[in-house]
PDB file of N, CA and C in Angstrom:
ATOM      1  N   MET A   1    -112.893  -8.704 -48.657  1.00  0.00           N
ATOM      2  CA  MET A   1    -111.659  -7.812 -49.065  1.00  0.00           C
ATOM      3  C   MET A   1    -111.028  -6.969 -48.150  1.00  0.00           C
ATOM      4  N   PRO A   2    -110.310  -7.458 -47.070  1.00  0.00           N
ATOM      5  CA  PRO A   2    -109.723  -6.666 -46.014  1.00  0.00           C
ATOM      6  C   PRO A   2    -108.692  -5.856 -46.504  1.00  0.00           C
ATOM      7  N   MET A   3    -108.687  -4.714 -45.985  1.00  0.00           N
ATOM      8  CA  MET A   3    -107.863  -3.391 -46.302  1.00  0.00           C
ATOM      9  C   MET A   3    -106.671  -3.372 -45.326  1.00  0.00           C
ATOM     10  N   SER A   4    -105.402  -3.123 -45.898  1.00  0.00           N
ATOM     11  CA  SER A   4    -104.308  -3.099 -44.890  1.00  0.00           C
ATOM     12  C   SER A   4    -103.980  -1.572 -44.475  1.00  0.00           C
ATOM     13  N   ALA A   5    -104.261  -0.726 -44.675  1.00  0.00           N
ATOM     14  CA  ALA A   5    -104.076   0.698 -44.125  1.00  0.00           C
ATOM     15  C   ALA A   5    -105.161   0.847 -43.050  1.00  0.00           C
ATOM     16  N   ALA A   6    -104.428   1.634 -41.995  1.00  0.00           N
ATOM     17  CA  ALA A   6    -105.490   1.907 -40.902  1.00  0.00           C
ATOM     18  C   ALA A   6    -106.504   2.909 -41.232  1.00  0.00           C
ATOM     19  N   TYR A   7    -106.308   3.955 -42.044  1.00  0.00           N
ATOM     20  CA  TYR A   7    -107.406   4.862 -42.770  1.00  0.00           C
ATOM     21  C   TYR A   7    -108.276   4.110 -43.655  1.00  0.00           C
ATOM     22  N   LEU A   8    -109.502   4.362 -43.672  1.00  0.00           N
ATOM     23  CA  LEU A   8    -110.394   3.652 -44.957  1.00  0.00           C
ATOM     24  C   LEU A   8    -110.702   4.977 -45.856  1.00  0.00           C
ATOM     25  N   THR A   9    -110.066   5.064 -47.196  1.00  0.00           N
ATOM     26  CA  THR A   9    -110.509   6.035 -47.859  1.00  0.00           C
ATOM     27  C   THR A   9    -111.752   6.018 -48.455  1.00  0.00           C
ATOM     28  N   CYS A  10    -112.392   7.289 -49.020  1.00  0.00           N
ATOM     29  CA  CYS A  10    -113.592   7.223 -49.709  1.00  0.00           C
ATOM     30  C   CYS A  10    -113.964   6.128 -50.665  1.00  0.00           C
ATOM     31  N   GLU A  11    -112.983   6.027 -51.385  1.00  0.00           N
ATOM     32  CA  GLU A  11    -112.969   4.882 -52.545  1.00  0.00           C
ATOM     33  C   GLU A  11    -112.909   3.540 -51.908  1.00  0.00           C
ATOM     34  N   GLU A  12    -112.178   3.287 -50.985  1.00  0.00           N
ATOM     35  CA  GLU A  12    -112.313   1.964 -50.373  1.00  0.00           C
ATOM     36  C   GLU A  12    -113.773   1.825 -49.838  1.00  0.00           C
ATOM     37  N   LEU A  13    -114.407   2.766 -49.130  1.00  0.00           N
ATOM     38  CA  LEU A  13    -115.311   2.801 -48.425  1.00  0.00           C
ATOM     39  C   LEU A  13    -116.726   2.355 -49.383  1.00  0.00           C
ATOM     40  N   VAL A  14    -116.573   3.006 -50.411  1.00  0.00           N
ATOM     41  CA  VAL A  14    -117.512   2.627 -51.611  1.00  0.00           C
ATOM     42  C   VAL A  14    -117.591   1.362 -52.097  1.00  0.00           C
ATOM     43  N   GLU A  15    -116.650   0.639 -52.167  1.00  0.00           N
ATOM     44  CA  GLU A  15    -116.351  -0.635 -52.388  1.00  0.00           C
ATOM     45  C   GLU A  15    -116.948  -1.601 -51.465  1.00  0.00           C
ATOM     46  N   LEU A  16    -116.660  -1.431 -49.985  1.00  0.00           N
ATOM     47  CA  LEU A  16    -117.405  -2.080 -49.273  1.00  0.00           C
ATOM     48  C   LEU A  16    -118.722  -1.969 -48.647  1.00  0.00           C
ATOM     49  N   VAL A  17    -119.438  -0.951 -49.349  1.00  0.00           N
ATOM     50  CA  VAL A  17    -120.852  -0.692 -48.962  1.00  0.00           C
ATOM     51  C   VAL A  17    -121.581  -2.047 -48.700  1.00  0.00           C
ATOM     52  N   THR A  18    -121.626  -2.752 -49.887  1.00  0.00           N
ATOM     53  CA  THR A  18    -122.508  -3.755 -50.236  1.00  0.00           C
ATOM     54  C   THR A  18    -121.972  -4.736 -48.988  1.00  0.00           C
ATOM     55  N   GLU A  19    -120.841  -5.159 -48.720  1.00  0.00           N
ATOM     56  CA  GLU A  19    -120.554  -5.942 -47.741  1.00  0.00           C
ATOM     57  C   GLU A  19    -120.901  -5.782 -46.405  1.00  0.00           C
ATOM     58  N   TYR A  20    -120.640  -4.009 -46.178  1.00  0.00           N
ATOM     59  CA  TYR A  20    -121.274  -3.679 -44.864  1.00  0.00           C
ATOM     60  C   TYR A  20    -122.664  -3.824 -44.419  1.00  0.00           C
ATOM     61  N   LEU A  21    -123.370  -3.507 -45.402  1.00  0.00           N
ATOM     62  CA  LEU A  21    -125.069  -3.558 -45.213  1.00  0.00           C
ATOM     63  C   LEU A  21    -125.508  -5.141 -45.283  1.00  0.00           C
ATOM     64  N   ASP A  22    -124.525  -6.090 -45.809  1.00  0.00           N
ATOM     65  CA  ASP A  22    -124.935  -7.307 -45.656  1.00  0.00           C
ATOM     66  C   ASP A  22    -124.372  -8.206 -44.502  1.00  0.00           C
ATOM     67  N   ALA A  23    -123.286  -7.145 -43.659  1.00  0.00           N
ATOM     68  CA  ALA A  23    -122.823  -7.552 -42.233  1.00  0.00           C
ATOM     69  C   ALA A  23    -122.005  -8.726 -42.402  1.00  0.00           C
ATOM     70  N   ALA A  24    -121.033  -8.433 -43.736  1.00  0.00           N
ATOM     71  CA  ALA A  24    -120.141  -9.597 -44.190  1.00  0.00           C
ATOM     72  C   ALA A  24    -118.577  -8.970 -43.994  1.00  0.00           C
ATOM     73  N   LEU A  25    -118.542  -7.810 -43.328  1.00  0.00           N
ATOM     74  CA  LEU A  25    -117.048  -7.208 -43.145  1.00  0.00           C
ATOM     75  C   LEU A  25    -116.680  -7.925 -42.047  1.00  0.00           C
ATOM     76  N   SER A  26    -115.306  -8.068 -41.657  1.00  0.00           N
ATOM     77  CA  SER A  26    -114.601  -8.582 -40.524  1.00  0.00           C
ATOM     78  C   SER A  26    -114.847  -7.263 -39.688  1.00  0.00           C
ATOM     79  N   PRO A  27    -114.696  -7.661 -38.205  1.00  0.00           N
ATOM     80  CA  PRO A  27    -114.713  -6.872 -37.336  1.00  0.00           C
ATOM     81  C   PRO A  27    -114.018  -5.339 -37.479  1.00  0.00           C
ATOM     82  N   THR A  28    -112.704  -5.774 -37.941  1.00  0.00           N
ATOM     83  CA  THR A  28    -111.685  -4.650 -38.003  1.00  0.00           C
ATOM     84  C   THR A  28    -112.149  -3.927 -39.237  1.00  0.00           C
ATOM     85  N   ASP A  29    -112.367  -4.204 -40.454  1.00  0.00           N
ATOM     86  CA  ASP A  29    -112.959  -3.743 -41.590  1.00  0.00           C
ATOM     87  C   ASP A  29    -114.309  -2.783 -41.161  1.00  0.00           C
ATOM     88  N   ARG A  30    -115.199  -3.410 -40.256  1.00  0.00           N
ATOM     89  CA  ARG A  30    -116.601  -2.982 -39.785  1.00  0.00           C
ATOM     90  C   ARG A  30    -116.151  -1.258 -39.201  1.00  0.00           C
ATOM     91  N   MET A  31    -114.996  -1.698 -38.259  1.00  0.00           N
ATOM     92  CA  MET A  31    -114.962  -0.692 -37.340  1.00  0.00           C
ATOM     93  C   MET A  31    -114.128   0.575 -38.156  1.00  0.00           C
ATOM     94  N   ARG A  32    -113.289   0.253 -39.298  1.00  0.00           N
ATOM     95  CA  ARG A  32    -112.824   1.115 -40.083  1.00  0.00           C
ATOM     96  C   ARG A  32    -113.838   1.956 -40.954  1.00  0.00           C
ATOM     97  N   PHE A  33    -114.602   1.119 -41.470  1.00  0.00           N
ATOM     98  CA  PHE A  33    -115.982   1.782 -41.915  1.00  0.00           C
ATOM     99  C   PHE A  33    -116.679   2.695 -41.085  1.00  0.00           C
ATOM    100  N   GLU A  34    -117.097   2.444 -40.130  1.00  0.00           N
ATOM    101  CA  GLU A  34    -117.961   3.177 -39.195  1.00  0.00           C
ATOM    102  C   GLU A  34    -117.124   4.303 -38.751  1.00  0.00           C
ATOM    103  N   GLU A  35    -115.768   4.108 -38.663  1.00  0.00           N
ATOM    104  CA  GLU A  35    -115.061   5.253 -38.219  1.00  0.00           C
ATOM    105  C   GLU A  35    -114.883   6.345 -38.981  1.00  0.00           C
ATOM    106  N   HIS A  36    -114.930   6.031 -40.391  1.00  0.00           N
ATOM    107  CA  HIS A  36    -114.718   7.053 -41.453  1.00  0.00           C
ATOM    108  C   HIS A  36    -116.054   7.471 -41.870  1.00  0.00           C
ATOM    109  N   MET A  37    -117.207   6.434 -41.291  1.00  0.00           N
ATOM    110  CA  MET A  37    -118.445   7.293 -41.611  1.00  0.00           C
ATOM    111  C   MET A  37    -118.943   8.499 -40.888  1.00  0.00           C
ATOM    112  N   MET A  38    -118.023   8.428 -39.571  1.00  0.00           N
ATOM    113  CA  MET A  38    -118.267   9.421 -38.738  1.00  0.00           C
ATOM    114  C   MET A  38    -118.202  10.699 -38.906  1.00  0.00           C
ATOM    115  N   THR A  39    -116.823  10.736 -39.665  1.00  0.00           N
ATOM    116  CA  THR A  39    -116.457  12.053 -40.047  1.00  0.00           C
ATOM    117  C   THR A  39    -116.397  12.545 -41.577  1.00  0.00           C
ATOM    118  N   CYS A  40    -117.202  11.804 -42.337  1.00  0.00           N
ATOM    119  CA  CYS A  40    -117.289  11.926 -43.860  1.00  0.00           C
ATOM    120  C   CYS A  40    -118.774  12.054 -44.340  1.00  0.00           C
ATOM    121  N   PRO A  41    -119.296  13.351 -44.329  1.00  0.00           N
ATOM    122  CA  PRO A  41    -120.804  13.456 -44.822  1.00  0.00           C
ATOM    123  C   PRO A  41    -120.978  12.918 -46.381  1.00  0.00           C
ATOM    124  N   SER A  42    -120.041  12.937 -47.233  1.00  0.00           N
ATOM    125  CA  SER A  42    -120.096  12.549 -48.384  1.00  0.00           C
ATOM    126  C   SER A  42    -120.564  11.030 -48.551  1.00  0.00           C
ATOM    127  N   CYS A  43    -119.853  10.318 -47.688  1.00  0.00           N
ATOM    128  CA  CYS A  43    -119.743   8.754 -47.694  1.00  0.00           C
ATOM    129  C   CYS A  43    -121.177   8.472 -46.836  1.00  0.00           C
ATOM    130  N   GLN A  44    -121.520   9.479 -45.730  1.00  0.00           N
ATOM    131  CA  GLN A  44    -122.723   9.152 -44.973  1.00  0.00           C
ATOM    132  C   GLN A  44    -123.983   9.372 -46.124  1.00  0.00           C
ATOM    133  N   ALA A  45    -123.952  10.403 -46.942  1.00  0.00           N
ATOM    134  CA  ALA A  45    -124.890  10.600 -48.061  1.00  0.00           C
ATOM    135  C   ALA A  45    -124.723   9.233 -49.020  1.00  0.00           C
ATOM    136  N   HIS A  46    -123.580   8.693 -49.455  1.00  0.00           N
ATOM    137  CA  HIS A  46    -123.711   7.548 -50.330  1.00  0.00           C
ATOM    138  C   HIS A  46    -124.441   6.461 -49.578  1.00  0.00           C
ATOM    139  N   LEU A  47    -124.055   6.289 -48.313  1.00  0.00           N
ATOM    140  CA  LEU A  47    -124.611   4.997 -47.758  1.00  0.00           C
ATOM    141  C   LEU A  47    -126.106   5.204 -47.584  1.00  0.00           C
ATOM    142  N   ASP A  48    -126.814   6.465 -47.303  1.00  0.00           N
ATOM    143  CA  ASP A  48    -128.032   6.624 -47.078  1.00  0.00           C
ATOM    144  C   ASP A  48    -128.566   6.311 -48.654  1.00  0.00           C
ATOM    145  N   GLN A  49    -128.038   6.778 -49.769  1.00  0.00           N
ATOM    146  CA  GLN A  49    -128.627   6.587 -51.057  1.00  0.00           C
ATOM    147  C   GLN A  49    -128.559   5.009 -51.209  1.00  0.00           C
ATOM    148  N   MET A  50    -127.629   4.518 -50.812  1.00  0.00           N
ATOM    149  CA  MET A  50    -127.520   2.876 -51.164  1.00  0.00           C
ATOM    150  C   MET A  50    -128.540   2.173 -50.448  1.00  0.00           C
ATOM    151  N   ARG A  51    -128.746   2.463 -49.073  1.00  0.00           N
ATOM    152  CA  ARG A  51    -130.211   2.119 -48.300  1.00  0.00           C
ATOM    153  C   ARG A  51    -131.660   2.306 -49.004  1.00  0.00           C
ATOM    154  N   GLY A  52    -131.672   3.562 -49.288  1.00  0.00           N
ATOM    155  CA  GLY A  52    -132.748   3.925 -50.098  1.00  0.00           C
ATOM    156  C   GLY A  52    -132.998   3.233 -51.308  1.00  0.00           C
ATOM    157  N   THR A  53    -131.960   2.681 -52.055  1.00  0.00           N
ATOM    158  CA  THR A  53    -132.220   2.178 -53.317  1.00  0.00           C
ATOM    159  C   THR A  53    -132.532   0.986 -53.129  1.00  0.00           C
ATOM    160  N   ILE A  54    -132.122   0.039 -51.860  1.00  0.00           N
ATOM    161  CA  ILE A  54    -132.320  -1.222 -51.861  1.00  0.00           C
ATOM    162  C   ILE A  54    -133.738  -1.213 -51.212  1.00  0.00           C
ATOM    163  N   GLU A  55    -133.974  -0.279 -50.350  1.00  0.00           N
ATOM    164  CA  GLU A  55    -135.521  -0.255 -49.815  1.00  0.00           C
ATOM    165  C   GLU A  55    -136.400  -0.140 -51.087  1.00  0.00           C
ATOM    166  N   ALA A  56    -136.227   0.585 -51.955  1.00  0.00           N
ATOM    167  CA  ALA A  56    -137.121   0.914 -53.170  1.00  0.00           C
ATOM    168  C   ALA A  56    -137.171  -0.216 -54.006  1.00  0.00           C
ATOM    169  N   VAL A  57    -136.023  -0.719 -54.294  1.00  0.00           N
ATOM    170  CA  VAL A  57    -135.892  -2.098 -55.070  1.00  0.00           C
ATOM    171  C   VAL A  57    -136.736  -3.256 -54.503  1.00  0.00           C
ATOM    172  N   GLY A  58    -136.690  -3.313 -53.276  1.00  0.00           N
ATOM    173  CA  GLY A  58    -137.219  -4.036 -52.451  1.00  0.00           C
ATOM    174  C   GLY A  58    -138.883  -4.348 -52.392  1.00  0.00           C
ATOM    175  N   ARG A  59    -139.487  -2.983 -52.747  1.00  0.00           N
ATOM    176  CA  ARG A  59    -140.995  -2.790 -52.950  1.00  0.00           C
ATOM    177  C   ARG A  59    -141.309  -3.233 -54.471  1.00  0.00           C
ATOM    178  N   LEU A  60    -140.377  -3.171 -55.275  1.00  0.00           N
ATOM    179  CA  LEU A  60    -140.700  -3.657 -56.640  1.00  0.00           C
ATOM    180  C   LEU A  60    -141.660  -5.013 -57.052  1.00  0.00           C
ATOM    181  N   ALA A  61    -142.530  -4.873 -57.705  1.00  0.00           N
ATOM    182  CA  ALA A  61    -143.104  -6.171 -57.902  1.00  0.00           C
ATOM    183  C   ALA A  61    -142.434  -6.618 -59.099  1.00  0.00           C
ATOM    184  N   THR A  62    -142.332  -7.938 -59.518  1.00  0.00           N
ATOM    185  CA  THR A  62    -141.971  -8.565 -60.512  1.00  0.00           C
ATOM    186  C   THR A  62    -142.694  -8.283 -61.833  1.00  0.00           C
ATOM    187  N   ASP A  63    -144.010  -8.290 -61.593  1.00  0.00           N
ATOM    188  CA  ASP A  63    -144.509  -7.650 -62.934  1.00  0.00           C
ATOM    189  C   ASP A  63    -144.806  -6.147 -63.129  1.00  0.00           C
ATOM    190  N   ALA A  64    -144.088  -5.532 -62.306  1.00  0.00           N
ATOM    191  CA  ALA A  64    -144.080  -3.987 -62.394  1.00  0.00           C
ATOM    192  C   ALA A  64    -143.087  -3.508 -63.707  1.00  0.00           C
ATOM    193  N   VAL A  65    -142.000  -4.443 -63.872  1.00  0.00           N
ATOM    194  CA  VAL A  65    -141.052  -4.412 -64.943  1.00  0.00           C
ATOM    195  C   VAL A  65    -141.376  -4.997 -66.308  1.00  0.00           C
ATOM    196  N   SER A  66    -141.543  -4.207 -67.321  1.00  0.00           N
ATOM    197  CA  SER A  66    -141.916  -4.891 -68.818  1.00  0.00           C
ATOM    198  C   SER A  66    -140.647  -5.737 -69.174  1.00  0.00           C
ATOM    199  N   PRO A  67    -141.088  -6.769 -69.767  1.00  0.00           N
ATOM    200  CA  PRO A  67    -140.031  -7.717 -70.383  1.00  0.00           C
ATOM    201  C   PRO A  67    -139.032  -7.171 -71.206  1.00  0.00           C
ATOM    202  N   GLU A  68    -139.317  -5.903 -72.018  1.00  0.00           N
ATOM    203  CA  GLU A  68    -138.147  -5.340 -72.650  1.00  0.00           C
ATOM    204  C   GLU A  68    -137.377  -4.771 -71.525  1.00  0.00           C
ATOM    205  N   ALA A  69    -137.713  -4.132 -70.663  1.00  0.00           N
ATOM    206  CA  ALA A  69    -136.687  -3.311 -69.858  1.00  0.00           C
ATOM    207  C   ALA A  69    -136.129  -4.557 -68.927  1.00  0.00           C
ATOM    208  N   GLU A  70    -136.830  -5.507 -68.554  1.00  0.00           N
ATOM    209  CA  GLU A  70    -136.102  -6.680 -67.802  1.00  0.00           C
ATOM    210  C   GLU A  70    -134.898  -7.214 -68.682  1.00  0.00           C
ATOM    211  N   ARG A  71    -135.309  -7.459 -70.184  1.00  0.00           N
ATOM    212  CA  ARG A  71    -134.082  -8.028 -70.772  1.00  0.00           C
ATOM    213  C   ARG A  71    -133.106  -6.928 -70.715  1.00  0.00           C
ATOM    214  N   ASP A  72    -133.264  -5.646 -70.873  1.00  0.00           N
ATOM    215  CA  ASP A  72    -132.291  -4.720 -71.077  1.00  0.00           C
ATOM    216  C   ASP A  72    -131.646  -4.868 -69.842  1.00  0.00           C
ATOM    217  N   LEU A  73    -132.221  -4.536 -68.905  1.00  0.00           N
ATOM    218  CA  LEU A  73    -131.285  -4.854 -67.458  1.00  0.00           C
ATOM    219  C   LEU A  73    -130.526  -6.082 -67.445  1.00  0.00           C
ATOM    220  N   LEU A  74    -131.266  -6.987 -67.706  1.00  0.00           N
ATOM    221  CA  LEU A  74    -130.137  -8.366 -67.630  1.00  0.00           C
ATOM    222  C   LEU A  74    -128.732  -8.213 -68.671  1.00  0.00           C
ATOM    223  N   ASP A  75    -129.293  -7.831 -69.769  1.00  0.00           N
ATOM    224  CA  ASP A  75    -128.183  -7.554 -70.744  1.00  0.00           C
ATOM    225  C   ASP A  75    -127.097  -6.681 -70.220  1.00  0.00           C
ATOM    226  N   ALA A  76    -127.635  -5.497 -69.544  1.00  0.00           N
ATOM    227  CA  ALA A  76    -126.297  -4.353 -69.222  1.00  0.00           C
ATOM    228  C   ALA A  76    -125.833  -5.257 -67.921  1.00  0.00           C
ATOM    229  N   PHE A  77    -126.489  -5.887 -67.176  1.00  0.00           N
ATOM    230  CA  PHE A  77    -125.608  -6.520 -66.084  1.00  0.00           C
ATOM    231  C   PHE A  77    -124.864  -7.669 -66.340  1.00  0.00           C
ATOM    232  N   ARG A  78    -125.178  -8.406 -67.468  1.00  0.00           N
ATOM    233  CA  ARG A  78    -124.617  -9.405 -67.866  1.00  0.00           C
ATOM    234  C   ARG A  78    -123.177  -8.981 -68.197  1.00  0.00           C
ATOM    235  N   ASP A  79    -123.002  -7.913 -68.880  1.00  0.00           N
ATOM    236  CA  ASP A  79    -121.676  -7.351 -69.373  1.00  0.00           C
ATOM    237  C   ASP A  79    -121.015  -6.568 -68.543  1.00  0.00           C
ATOM    238  N   TRP A  80    -121.704  -6.188 -67.350  1.00  0.00           N
ATOM    239  CA  TRP A  80    -120.994  -5.397 -66.444  1.00  0.00           C
ATOM    240  C   TRP A  80    -119.792  -5.561 -65.879  1.00  0.00           C
ATOM    241  N   LYS A  81    -119.509  -6.875 -65.642  1.00  0.00           N
ATOM    242  CA  LYS A  81    -118.024  -7.129 -65.057  1.00  0.00           C
ATOM    243  C   LYS A  81    -116.893  -7.370 -65.899  1.00  0.00           C
ATOM    244  N   ARG A  82    -117.373  -7.146 -67.297  1.00  0.00           N
ATOM    245  CA  ARG A  82    -116.637  -7.469 -68.382  1.00  0.00           C
ATOM    246  C   ARG A  82    -115.741  -6.431 -68.793  1.00  0.00           C
ATOM    247  N   GLU A  83    -116.252  -5.165 -68.314  1.00  0.00           N
ATOM    248  CA  GLU A  83    -115.605  -3.976 -68.768  1.00  0.00           C
ATOM    249  C   GLU A  83    -114.465  -3.710 -67.990  1.00  0.00           C
TER     250      GLU A  83
END
C-alpha cells in the first residue's frame, strides 16, 4: 500500500506496521516509516507493543489454548474483515 504524501501520519504508520515487520514495504515507504518513528514516541511505543505481542504469541503452544477459546478466536477473526 504505497503512500503518496511525503509525511507519514500516525494513522498511516499503524496501517503499515505489519508490512514493516515483515520487511514488505517499498524502500520509499520504509524510509518514511523510519523517519516518522524517529520523532514520534507514541508510534515507537506502538511498534514495541506489536513486537512484544508477536514474540509472546510465538511462544504459545498449540495445546495451551482450550478448544473453546480457539473456536471463539476463529469465529471473531473470521468476521473481523466483514465489519
